[in-house]
C-alpha cells in the first residue's frame, strides 16, 4: 500500500512538473519575442532548461513574470542575449 501511495505522489509531481514546463516555455517565448521552438533551443543552449528542471518547484510558486525573469537572467549569465 505504501509503495502505491509513493508512486501516486511521484506521478502527481511529474504531472505538475510537465504542466509547469509546458506552460512556462511558451510564456518565455512570448516575453522575449521568439517562437516556441526558438525559445526551447535558446533555453537549452544557455542553461535555462537545466535551471528550469532543477528549480521548477520554486519557480512554479512564483508569479510567472519572476520565473521568466529568472530564466532570462540564467541564460544571459551563460552568454545569451544581453
Protein backbone atom coordinates (compact mmCIF):
# COMPACT_ATOMS: atom_id res chain seq x y z
CA UNK A 1 0.00 0.00 0.00
CA UNK A 2 2.78 2.42 0.90
CA UNK A 3 4.57 1.73 -2.40
CA UNK A 4 1.40 2.50 -4.34
CA UNK A 5 0.98 5.77 -2.44
CA UNK A 6 4.59 6.80 -3.13
CA UNK A 7 4.16 6.00 -6.82
CA UNK A 8 0.96 8.08 -6.96
CA UNK A 9 2.71 11.03 -5.30
CA UNK A 10 5.63 10.76 -7.75
CA UNK A 11 3.22 10.55 -10.68
CA UNK A 12 1.40 13.67 -9.48
CA UNK A 13 4.69 15.52 -9.02
CA UNK A 14 5.82 14.53 -12.52
CA UNK A 15 2.50 15.68 -13.94
CA UNK A 16 2.83 19.02 -12.14
CA UNK A 17 6.38 19.42 -13.41
CA UNK A 18 5.37 18.71 -17.01
CA UNK A 19 2.39 21.09 -16.76
CA UNK A 20 4.57 23.89 -15.46
CA UNK A 21 7.33 23.41 -18.01
CA UNK A 22 4.87 23.25 -20.91
CA UNK A 23 3.28 26.44 -19.55
CA UNK A 24 6.41 28.48 -18.89
CA UNK A 25 8.31 27.86 -22.14
CA UNK A 26 5.60 29.49 -24.33
CA UNK A 27 5.32 32.31 -21.78
CA UNK A 28 9.09 32.83 -22.00
CA UNK A 29 8.88 32.73 -25.81
CA UNK A 30 6.21 35.43 -25.83
CA UNK A 31 8.17 37.61 -23.39
CA UNK A 32 11.37 37.54 -25.46
CA UNK A 33 9.57 37.59 -28.81
CA UNK A 34 10.64 34.16 -30.07
CA UNK A 35 8.57 31.31 -31.33
CA UNK A 36 8.27 28.31 -29.00
CA UNK A 37 10.88 26.20 -30.77
CA UNK A 38 13.43 29.03 -30.78
CA UNK A 39 12.77 29.65 -27.10
CA UNK A 40 13.22 25.97 -26.26
CA UNK A 41 16.52 25.81 -28.15
CA UNK A 42 17.68 29.08 -26.59
CA UNK A 43 16.86 27.82 -23.08
CA UNK A 44 18.64 24.55 -23.84
CA UNK A 45 21.75 26.26 -25.24
CA UNK A 46 22.16 28.77 -22.42
CA UNK A 47 21.32 26.64 -19.38
CA UNK A 48 17.75 27.79 -18.89
CA UNK A 49 16.31 24.30 -19.28
CA UNK A 50 18.72 22.82 -16.76
CA UNK A 51 17.77 25.61 -14.34
CA UNK A 52 14.09 25.04 -15.06
CA UNK A 53 14.29 21.28 -14.44
CA UNK A 54 16.29 21.77 -11.25
CA UNK A 55 14.24 24.61 -9.76
CA UNK A 56 10.78 24.09 -11.24
CA UNK A 57 9.17 23.61 -7.83
CA UNK A 58 10.27 27.03 -6.61
CA UNK A 59 9.64 28.73 -9.95
CA UNK A 60 6.09 27.42 -10.20
CA UNK A 61 5.16 29.05 -6.91
CA UNK A 62 6.21 32.49 -8.18
CA UNK A 63 4.33 34.85 -10.41
CA UNK A 64 5.18 33.79 -14.00
CA UNK A 65 6.84 37.19 -14.51
CA UNK A 66 9.52 36.33 -11.95
CA UNK A 67 10.01 32.81 -13.28
CA UNK A 68 10.54 34.21 -16.78
CA UNK A 69 12.89 36.86 -15.45
CA UNK A 70 14.91 34.19 -13.61
CA UNK A 71 15.17 32.12 -16.80
CA UNK A 72 16.24 35.20 -18.76
CA UNK A 73 18.93 36.05 -16.19
CA UNK A 74 20.31 32.50 -16.13
CA UNK A 75 20.55 32.46 -19.93
CA UNK A 76 22.09 35.95 -20.00
CA UNK A 77 24.69 34.92 -17.43
CA UNK A 78 25.55 31.92 -19.62
CA UNK A 79 26.12 34.01 -22.77
CA UNK A 80 22.58 34.51 -24.05
CA UNK A 81 21.10 37.78 -25.24
CA UNK A 82 22.24 40.76 -23.23
